[in-house]
Protein backbone atom coordinates (compact mmCIF):
# COMPACT_ATOMS: atom_id res chain seq x y z
CA MET A 1 -9.87 41.20 -120.51
CA ASN A 2 -11.79 40.17 -117.50
CA ASN A 3 -15.40 40.48 -116.88
CA THR A 4 -15.18 43.68 -114.63
CA ILE A 5 -13.50 45.45 -117.59
CA LYS A 6 -16.16 44.33 -120.08
CA ILE A 7 -18.90 45.58 -117.71
CA TYR A 8 -17.34 49.06 -117.32
CA ILE A 9 -16.95 49.20 -121.17
CA PHE A 10 -20.65 48.11 -121.71
CA PHE A 11 -22.04 50.75 -119.43
CA LEU A 12 -19.78 53.36 -120.81
CA VAL A 13 -21.00 52.71 -124.44
CA LEU A 14 -24.45 52.67 -123.16
CA LEU A 15 -24.00 55.98 -121.51
CA LEU A 16 -22.42 57.55 -124.73
CA VAL A 17 -25.25 56.14 -126.82
CA GLY A 18 -27.63 57.82 -124.43
CA VAL A 19 -26.16 61.23 -124.35
CA ILE A 20 -25.72 61.26 -128.09
CA TYR A 21 -29.46 60.27 -128.48
CA ILE A 22 -30.64 62.90 -125.89
CA ASP A 23 -28.40 65.46 -127.60
CA ALA A 24 -29.83 64.61 -131.00
CA VAL A 25 -33.46 64.80 -130.10
CA ARG A 26 -33.35 68.11 -127.96
CA PRO A 27 -33.89 71.30 -129.60
CA ARG A 28 -30.81 73.09 -130.77
CA PRO A 29 -29.99 76.29 -128.92
CA ILE A 30 -29.67 79.48 -131.04
CA ASN A 31 -26.29 80.67 -131.57
CA TRP A 32 -26.34 84.41 -131.22
CA SER A 33 -22.67 84.91 -131.77
CA PRO A 34 -22.08 87.92 -134.35
CA THR A 35 -19.99 86.13 -136.86
CA PHE A 36 -20.88 88.37 -139.89
CA ASP A 37 -19.93 85.16 -142.02
CA LEU A 38 -21.59 84.84 -145.39
CA LYS A 39 -21.94 80.99 -144.88
CA ASP A 40 -23.62 81.33 -141.56
CA LYS A 41 -27.32 81.01 -141.24
CA ILE A 42 -27.37 81.95 -137.58
CA PRO A 43 -29.22 85.19 -136.53
CA PHE A 44 -25.97 87.48 -136.75
CA GLY A 45 -24.49 85.83 -139.97
CA LEU A 46 -24.63 87.39 -143.42
CA TYR A 47 -26.23 84.44 -145.32
CA VAL A 48 -29.33 86.29 -146.30
CA PHE A 49 -27.50 89.57 -147.28
CA ASP A 50 -25.12 87.47 -149.34
CA LYS A 51 -28.10 85.94 -151.27
CA GLU A 52 -30.12 89.14 -151.52
CA ALA A 53 -27.16 91.41 -152.37
CA PRO A 54 -27.98 91.39 -156.15
CA GLN A 55 -31.38 92.66 -155.42
CA LEU A 56 -30.35 95.18 -152.60
CA LEU A 57 -27.41 96.48 -154.71
CA LYS A 58 -29.16 96.17 -158.02
CA ASN A 59 -27.30 99.32 -159.27
CA ASN A 60 -23.92 97.90 -158.78
CA SER A 61 -22.01 94.96 -160.34
CA ILE A 62 -20.75 92.99 -157.27
CA GLN A 63 -17.36 91.38 -157.04
CA LYS A 64 -16.47 89.53 -153.97
CA ILE A 65 -12.66 89.65 -153.06
CA GLY A 66 -11.17 87.08 -150.73
CA GLU A 67 -7.88 88.94 -150.50
CA THR A 68 -6.82 91.95 -148.27
CA PRO A 69 -7.41 95.48 -149.93
CA TYR A 70 -3.72 96.02 -150.23
CA GLU A 71 -3.17 92.68 -152.09
CA TYR A 72 -5.98 93.39 -154.46
CA LEU A 73 -5.97 97.09 -155.12
CA ASP A 74 -2.06 97.43 -155.30
CA LYS A 75 -1.73 95.19 -158.29
CA LEU A 76 -4.39 97.37 -160.16
CA TYR A 77 -2.47 100.48 -159.73
CA ASP A 78 -0.65 101.67 -163.00
CA TYR A 79 2.51 103.21 -161.92
CA ASP A 80 3.22 104.78 -165.35
CA THR A 81 4.16 108.37 -164.70
CA LEU A 82 1.60 109.42 -167.39
CA VAL A 83 -1.16 107.48 -165.75
CA ASN A 84 -0.55 107.13 -161.87
CA ASN A 85 -4.05 105.77 -161.39
CA TYR A 86 -6.00 102.50 -160.78
CA LYS A 87 -7.06 100.44 -163.57
CA THR A 88 -10.63 100.06 -162.15
CA LYS A 89 -13.14 102.47 -160.71
CA GLY A 90 -15.74 101.65 -158.15
CA THR A 91 -16.84 101.32 -154.38
CA VAL A 92 -14.90 99.46 -151.76
CA PHE A 93 -17.56 97.73 -149.58
CA SER A 94 -17.13 96.11 -146.22
CA VAL A 95 -19.56 94.96 -143.53
CA SER A 96 -18.20 93.49 -140.27
CA GLU A 97 -18.61 93.96 -136.40
CA TYR A 98 -15.09 95.45 -136.13
CA PHE A 99 -13.17 96.85 -139.11
CA GLN A 100 -9.78 95.47 -138.18
CA ILE A 101 -7.37 95.40 -141.20
CA ASP A 102 -3.76 95.75 -141.57
CA GLN A 103 -1.94 99.12 -141.71
CA GLN A 104 -1.21 98.69 -145.52
CA SER A 105 -4.82 97.89 -146.44
CA THR A 106 -6.08 100.84 -144.59
CA GLU A 107 -3.70 103.09 -146.44
CA GLU A 108 -4.51 101.47 -149.72
CA ILE A 109 -8.19 102.12 -149.21
CA PHE A 110 -7.52 105.87 -148.51
CA TYR A 111 -5.34 106.10 -151.69
CA PHE A 112 -8.00 104.36 -153.61
CA VAL A 113 -10.72 106.78 -152.57
CA SER A 114 -8.40 109.87 -153.20
CA HIS A 115 -8.43 109.01 -156.77
CA GLY A 116 -12.06 109.68 -157.16
CA ASN A 117 -13.45 106.34 -155.75
CA THR A 118 -15.78 105.47 -152.98
CA ALA A 119 -15.71 103.41 -149.73
CA PHE A 120 -18.63 102.09 -147.77
CA ILE A 121 -17.75 100.68 -144.40
CA SER A 122 -20.25 99.51 -141.81
CA ALA A 123 -18.62 98.56 -138.50
CA LYS A 124 -18.75 99.23 -134.71
CA ASP A 125 -15.18 100.08 -134.55
CA TYR A 126 -12.64 101.80 -136.92
CA PRO A 127 -8.88 102.31 -136.98
CA LYS A 128 -7.55 105.44 -135.46
CA ILE A 129 -6.46 106.68 -139.03
CA PHE A 130 -10.17 107.17 -139.82
CA GLU A 131 -10.68 109.83 -137.08
CA ASP A 132 -7.38 111.45 -137.98
CA SER A 133 -7.65 111.64 -141.82
CA LEU A 134 -11.58 112.43 -141.94
CA ASN A 135 -11.65 114.90 -138.96
CA VAL A 136 -14.28 112.93 -136.98
CA THR A 137 -14.41 111.54 -133.48
CA ILE A 138 -16.21 108.48 -132.66
CA ASN A 139 -17.69 107.39 -129.40
CA TYR A 140 -17.08 103.68 -128.81
CA GLU A 141 -19.48 102.04 -126.52
CA LEU A 142 -19.29 98.54 -127.95
CA THR A 143 -21.79 96.83 -125.58
CA GLN A 144 -24.93 95.74 -127.10
CA VAL A 145 -28.04 97.70 -126.50
CA GLU A 146 -31.74 96.94 -126.67
CA ASN A 147 -34.53 99.00 -128.42
CA ILE A 148 -32.43 101.45 -130.31
CA GLN A 149 -34.15 103.63 -132.81
CA LEU A 150 -32.47 104.04 -136.23
CA SER A 151 -33.55 106.39 -139.03
CA LEU A 152 -32.23 108.36 -142.05
CA ALA A 153 -31.71 111.99 -141.96
CA ASN A 154 -33.38 112.63 -145.24
CA LYS A 155 -37.08 112.40 -144.21
CA ASP A 156 -38.27 112.74 -147.78
CA LEU A 157 -36.44 109.37 -148.69
CA ASN A 158 -37.96 107.47 -145.69
CA PRO A 159 -39.26 109.11 -142.46
CA THR A 160 -39.73 105.66 -140.73
CA GLN A 161 -37.87 104.87 -137.39
CA TYR A 162 -36.83 101.32 -137.20
CA THR A 163 -36.57 99.68 -133.66
CA PHE A 164 -33.70 97.14 -133.24
CA ASN A 165 -33.98 95.15 -130.22
CA LEU A 166 -30.99 92.73 -130.40
CA GLY A 167 -27.45 92.97 -131.31
CA ALA A 168 -27.20 96.78 -131.97
CA GLY A 169 -24.09 98.58 -130.59
CA ASN A 170 -23.95 102.14 -129.24
CA SER A 171 -21.04 103.55 -131.22
CA TYR A 172 -21.60 106.96 -132.80
CA PHE A 173 -19.87 109.99 -134.30
CA ASN A 174 -20.06 112.65 -131.57
CA LYS A 175 -17.81 115.18 -133.49
CA ILE A 176 -17.83 115.73 -137.31
CA ASP A 177 -16.71 118.63 -139.60
CA THR A 178 -20.12 120.10 -140.37
CA LEU A 179 -18.74 122.09 -143.31
CA THR A 180 -17.82 119.07 -145.29
CA THR A 181 -19.41 116.04 -143.60
CA THR A 182 -23.02 115.12 -144.64
CA VAL A 183 -25.18 113.48 -142.03
CA LEU A 184 -27.12 110.56 -143.46
CA GLY A 185 -28.50 108.69 -140.43
CA TYR A 186 -29.26 108.86 -136.64
CA GLN A 187 -29.67 106.45 -133.92
CA LYS A 188 -31.52 107.07 -130.68
CA GLY A 189 -31.47 105.12 -127.37
CA LYS A 190 -32.78 106.06 -124.03
CA GLU A 191 -31.09 109.46 -124.05
CA LYS A 192 -30.33 111.98 -126.96
CA GLN A 193 -30.09 111.28 -130.64
CA ASN A 194 -26.67 110.61 -132.16
CA VAL A 195 -25.27 110.32 -135.66
CA ASN A 196 -24.56 106.86 -136.97
CA PHE A 197 -24.23 107.35 -140.70
CA ILE A 198 -22.17 109.93 -142.43
CA LYS A 199 -20.76 110.85 -145.77
CA VAL A 200 -17.19 112.29 -145.79
CA PRO A 201 -15.18 113.70 -148.71
CA TYR A 202 -11.72 112.71 -149.03
CA LYS A 203 -9.72 114.34 -151.79
CA LYS A 204 -11.55 113.23 -155.00
CA GLY A 205 -13.68 110.55 -153.54
CA PHE A 206 -16.04 109.88 -150.57
CA PHE A 207 -16.16 107.67 -147.51
CA TYR A 208 -19.59 106.45 -146.32
CA LEU A 209 -19.25 105.27 -142.56
CA HIS A 210 -22.02 103.58 -140.80
CA THR A 211 -21.82 102.19 -137.06
CA GLN A 212 -24.75 99.78 -137.01
CA PRO A 213 -23.55 96.77 -139.10
CA ILE A 214 -26.25 94.59 -137.34
CA CYS A 215 -28.89 95.73 -139.98
CA PHE A 216 -27.05 93.60 -142.60
CA THR A 217 -27.40 90.30 -140.46
CA ASN A 218 -29.99 87.50 -141.17
CA TYR A 219 -32.00 88.37 -138.05
CA HIS A 220 -32.91 91.93 -138.97
CA LEU A 221 -33.17 91.43 -142.69
CA LEU A 222 -35.91 88.88 -141.96
CA LYS A 223 -37.49 90.85 -139.18
CA GLU A 224 -40.55 92.89 -139.97
CA ASN A 225 -39.57 95.85 -142.23
CA HIS A 226 -35.90 96.22 -141.23
CA SER A 227 -34.74 95.22 -144.66
CA ASN A 228 -36.05 98.51 -145.88
CA TYR A 229 -33.69 100.31 -143.65
CA THR A 230 -30.74 98.26 -145.01
CA SER A 231 -31.95 98.94 -148.68
CA ASP A 232 -32.11 102.64 -148.02
CA ILE A 233 -28.63 102.85 -146.68
CA VAL A 234 -26.98 101.05 -149.71
CA SER A 235 -29.11 103.18 -152.07
CA TYR A 236 -26.62 106.06 -151.18
CA LEU A 237 -23.84 104.24 -153.07
CA PRO A 238 -23.01 105.28 -156.48
CA LYS A 239 -23.83 103.39 -159.38
CA GLY A 240 -21.09 101.07 -160.97
CA LYS A 241 -18.48 98.44 -159.79
CA LEU A 242 -18.78 97.30 -156.20
CA ILE A 243 -15.65 95.59 -154.59
CA TRP A 244 -16.83 93.58 -151.63
CA PHE A 245 -14.05 92.43 -149.42
CA VAL A 246 -14.90 89.14 -147.61
CA LYS A 247 -11.69 87.92 -146.37
CA ASN A 248 -12.24 85.77 -143.31
CA GLN A 249 -15.94 86.05 -143.82
CA ASN A 250 -16.56 83.53 -146.43
CA GLY A 251 -16.28 80.28 -144.25
CA GLU A 252 -12.40 80.30 -144.16
CA LEU A 253 -12.09 80.20 -140.31
CA ALA A 254 -14.82 77.56 -139.95
CA THR A 255 -12.90 75.09 -142.30
CA SER A 256 -9.34 75.94 -141.31
CA SER A 257 -9.13 72.81 -138.97
CA PRO A 258 -11.17 69.61 -138.91
CA MET A 259 -11.02 69.63 -135.08
CA SER A 260 -12.35 73.12 -134.83
CA PHE A 261 -15.59 72.04 -136.65
CA TRP A 262 -15.80 68.99 -134.61
CA LEU A 263 -15.66 71.12 -131.36
CA SER A 264 -18.07 73.61 -132.91
CA GLN A 265 -20.87 71.04 -132.94
CA PRO A 266 -22.33 70.31 -129.50
CA ALA A 267 -23.11 66.59 -130.15
CA LEU A 268 -19.67 65.83 -131.68
CA LYS A 269 -17.93 67.79 -128.90
CA CYS A 270 -19.74 65.99 -126.26
CA ALA A 271 -18.96 62.58 -127.95
CA TRP A 272 -15.11 63.57 -128.22
CA TYR A 273 -14.90 64.43 -124.44
CA LEU A 274 -16.83 61.27 -123.55
CA ALA A 275 -14.53 59.06 -125.60
CA ILE A 276 -11.42 60.72 -123.92
CA ILE A 277 -12.92 60.29 -120.45
CA GLY A 278 -13.82 56.62 -121.18
CA MET A 279 -10.44 55.89 -122.51
CA LEU A 280 -8.87 57.33 -119.37
CA ILE A 281 -11.25 55.36 -117.15
CA PHE A 282 -10.24 52.28 -119.11
CA MET A 283 -6.60 52.95 -118.71
CA ILE A 284 -6.83 53.53 -115.01
CA PHE A 285 -8.93 50.28 -114.32
CA ASN A 286 -6.85 48.17 -116.71
CA ALA A 287 -3.61 49.33 -115.15
CA LYS A 288 -4.94 48.68 -111.51
CA ARG A 289 -6.31 45.14 -112.37
CA ARG A 290 -3.76 43.60 -114.41
CA GLN A 291 -0.98 41.85 -112.80
CA ARG A 292 2.50 41.86 -114.23
CA VAL A 293 3.99 38.60 -115.58
CA VAL A 294 5.48 36.34 -112.79
CA PRO A 295 8.56 34.82 -114.04
CA ILE A 296 9.02 31.07 -113.85
CA ILE A 297 11.86 30.14 -111.29
CA THR A 298 13.19 26.55 -111.99
CA ALA A 299 13.79 24.69 -108.81
CA LEU A 300 17.41 23.63 -108.29
CA PRO A 301 18.03 20.04 -109.33
CA ASN A 302 18.98 17.49 -106.61
CA THR A 303 22.03 16.12 -107.78
CA THR A 304 22.91 13.79 -104.84
CA LEU A 305 21.56 10.84 -106.50
CA ASP A 306 23.22 11.36 -109.69
CA PHE A 307 26.55 12.03 -107.87
CA THR A 308 26.12 8.66 -106.02
CA LYS A 309 25.40 6.79 -109.13
CA THR A 310 28.28 8.40 -110.81
CA ILE A 311 30.58 7.32 -107.95
CA GLY A 312 29.12 3.83 -107.92
CA ASN A 313 29.51 3.29 -111.50
CA LEU A 314 33.24 4.33 -111.35
CA TYR A 315 33.95 1.82 -108.64
CA TYR A 316 31.94 -0.92 -110.46
CA GLN A 317 33.70 -0.17 -113.69
CA GLU A 318 37.18 -0.34 -112.11
CA GLY A 319 36.11 -3.75 -110.60
CA ASP A 320 37.72 -2.91 -107.18
CA HIS A 321 35.26 -4.87 -105.01
CA GLN A 322 37.47 -4.90 -101.96
CA ASN A 323 37.52 -1.03 -101.74
CA ILE A 324 33.79 -0.78 -101.97
CA VAL A 325 33.37 -3.22 -99.14
CA ASP A 326 35.73 -1.41 -96.96
CA LYS A 327 34.06 1.84 -97.44
CA LYS A 328 30.73 0.21 -96.90
CA ILE A 329 31.78 -1.44 -93.55
CA ILE A 330 33.31 2.03 -92.47
CA TYR A 331 30.03 4.02 -93.25
CA PHE A 332 27.94 1.27 -91.58
CA LEU A 333 30.03 1.24 -88.26
CA GLU A 334 30.17 5.09 -88.21
CA LYS A 335 26.25 5.32 -88.57
CA ILE A 336 26.04 2.76 -85.63
CA ARG A 337 28.25 4.96 -83.38
CA ASN A 338 26.43 8.11 -84.29
CA ASP A 339 22.83 6.93 -84.22
CA TYR A 340 22.94 4.35 -81.33
CA LEU A 341 26.05 5.28 -79.39
CA ILE A 342 27.49 1.78 -79.52
CA ASP A 343 31.32 1.14 -79.44
CA THR A 344 32.21 -0.77 -82.58
CA THR A 345 35.90 -1.48 -81.67
CA VAL A 346 34.96 -5.04 -80.94
CA LEU A 347 32.25 -6.87 -82.80
CA ASP A 348 31.34 -9.70 -80.51
CA ASP A 349 28.16 -11.19 -78.85
CA ASN A 350 27.91 -8.06 -76.42
CA PHE A 351 27.88 -5.80 -79.63
CA ILE A 352 25.26 -7.98 -81.23
CA LYS A 353 23.03 -7.87 -78.11
CA LYS A 354 23.32 -4.02 -77.76
CA LEU A 355 22.62 -3.48 -81.45
CA HIS A 356 19.56 -5.84 -81.22
CA GLN A 357 18.11 -4.15 -78.25
CA LYS A 358 18.53 -0.53 -79.66
CA THR A 359 17.39 -1.28 -83.28
CA GLY A 360 14.97 -4.10 -82.74
CA LYS A 361 16.20 -5.83 -85.94
CA ASN A 362 16.27 -9.43 -86.22
CA ILE A 363 19.12 -10.88 -84.31
CA ASP A 364 19.98 -13.37 -86.96
CA ASP A 365 20.53 -10.53 -89.41
CA ILE A 366 22.68 -8.75 -86.94
CA GLU A 367 24.74 -11.89 -86.36
CA LYS A 368 25.13 -12.33 -90.06
CA VAL A 369 26.36 -8.81 -90.59
CA VAL A 370 28.95 -9.11 -87.82
CA ARG A 371 30.14 -12.54 -89.18
CA LEU A 372 30.64 -11.15 -92.63
CA ILE A 373 32.48 -7.96 -91.36
CA ASN A 374 34.88 -10.00 -89.17
CA TYR A 375 35.36 -12.45 -92.03
CA GLN A 376 36.30 -9.61 -94.29
CA ARG A 377 38.69 -8.17 -91.79
CA LYS A 378 40.47 -11.48 -91.30
CA SER A 379 40.52 -12.56 -95.01
CA TYR A 380 41.52 -9.20 -96.73
CA ASN A 381 40.71 -10.90 -99.97
CA LEU A 382 37.18 -10.29 -101.34
CA SER A 383 37.49 -11.05 -105.11
CA ILE A 384 34.02 -12.00 -106.49
CA GLU A 385 30.99 -9.83 -106.98
CA GLU A 386 28.66 -12.20 -105.15
CA ASP A 387 30.29 -11.61 -101.84
CA LEU A 388 30.10 -7.79 -102.46
CA ILE A 389 26.29 -8.21 -103.02
CA GLU A 390 25.75 -10.36 -100.03
CA ILE A 391 27.40 -8.19 -97.48
CA ASN A 392 25.79 -5.10 -98.96
CA ASN A 393 22.27 -6.63 -98.62
CA ALA A 394 23.12 -7.61 -95.13
CA ILE A 395 24.11 -4.27 -94.05
CA GLU A 396 20.83 -2.56 -95.75
CA LYS A 397 18.67 -4.99 -93.78
CA ILE A 398 20.16 -3.33 -90.58
CA THR A 399 20.13 0.35 -91.76
CA ASN A 400 16.88 0.59 -93.62
């Protein structure tokens, strides 16, 4: 790793540490998301209500259920023809921003209530079956409103009007069956007063429907006297067992994935993205700066000298001195003709003089070479190694 890459990595780590430090010391922004989760301590969670439920619902024995209403209630039903009733009695209880459950669970709640039980549901939105079965019409304006006035219909119970300035919705019951439905509470915005809390009979039981679940959240339970309003609402519930369905409100979604928790924390989320960006930068610069391996190409060996030695050793081992001398003389005279353009047919004094003039070699050396060559041509018999060495040395003096 070269020095440039090390500098980039150093500054990247320094930047990461700086961002994490700044994020750690700065004030945490308030999360105003309406989660309605029992584990959340944010303004619109249900942590306070969960802890204070035994006091607010002191007339009821609370049982939290992490299953759907269908999964829980169906197995409590006795299908014996002599019984055909539930093995338990009580009140179904649910607080959520939007009451969204499966069709089977909705039908199971209605069936449970029809057997002389009660259901209390506080939500901004309800399935269509509630309007059809309970003969009510709900006006859904799900946008949050400010400074809405909430109050109870029974002025003898509590005549106070409570101002909710954050998180309140604008859903209300705009049509009800006045012969059977009891109005329990109102809400008033900038315009007219509307019904937001009702009691509706259904066969042998009753439904309590409330459209302002925000009153159960941490922010409003801890704000001024809003907890009195919440306490008055739940005081309408009959004594006995209270079955509180908290599926998907008990921290399940927050712990469903380690990465979802990591990304839900601003500091960890920032560190995660910085690490990915830093890795990409490192990969880009590393790929750009690093040169691929250059293969080593071995130079072709010069085998001319080896070939010459091999041929020379072959002649030497054969002991054919005469053949070697003849070829040596032929190559020598060929070089004289090509390099100096001198006729080599007759090796006489005229040849010696021309070769001396063109080569500048010692004339005695030239005369010696000519004398040995002429002697060789006449004798045709060179049998000793010393004569081969002598004529070879004489020729090399001229050619080198």
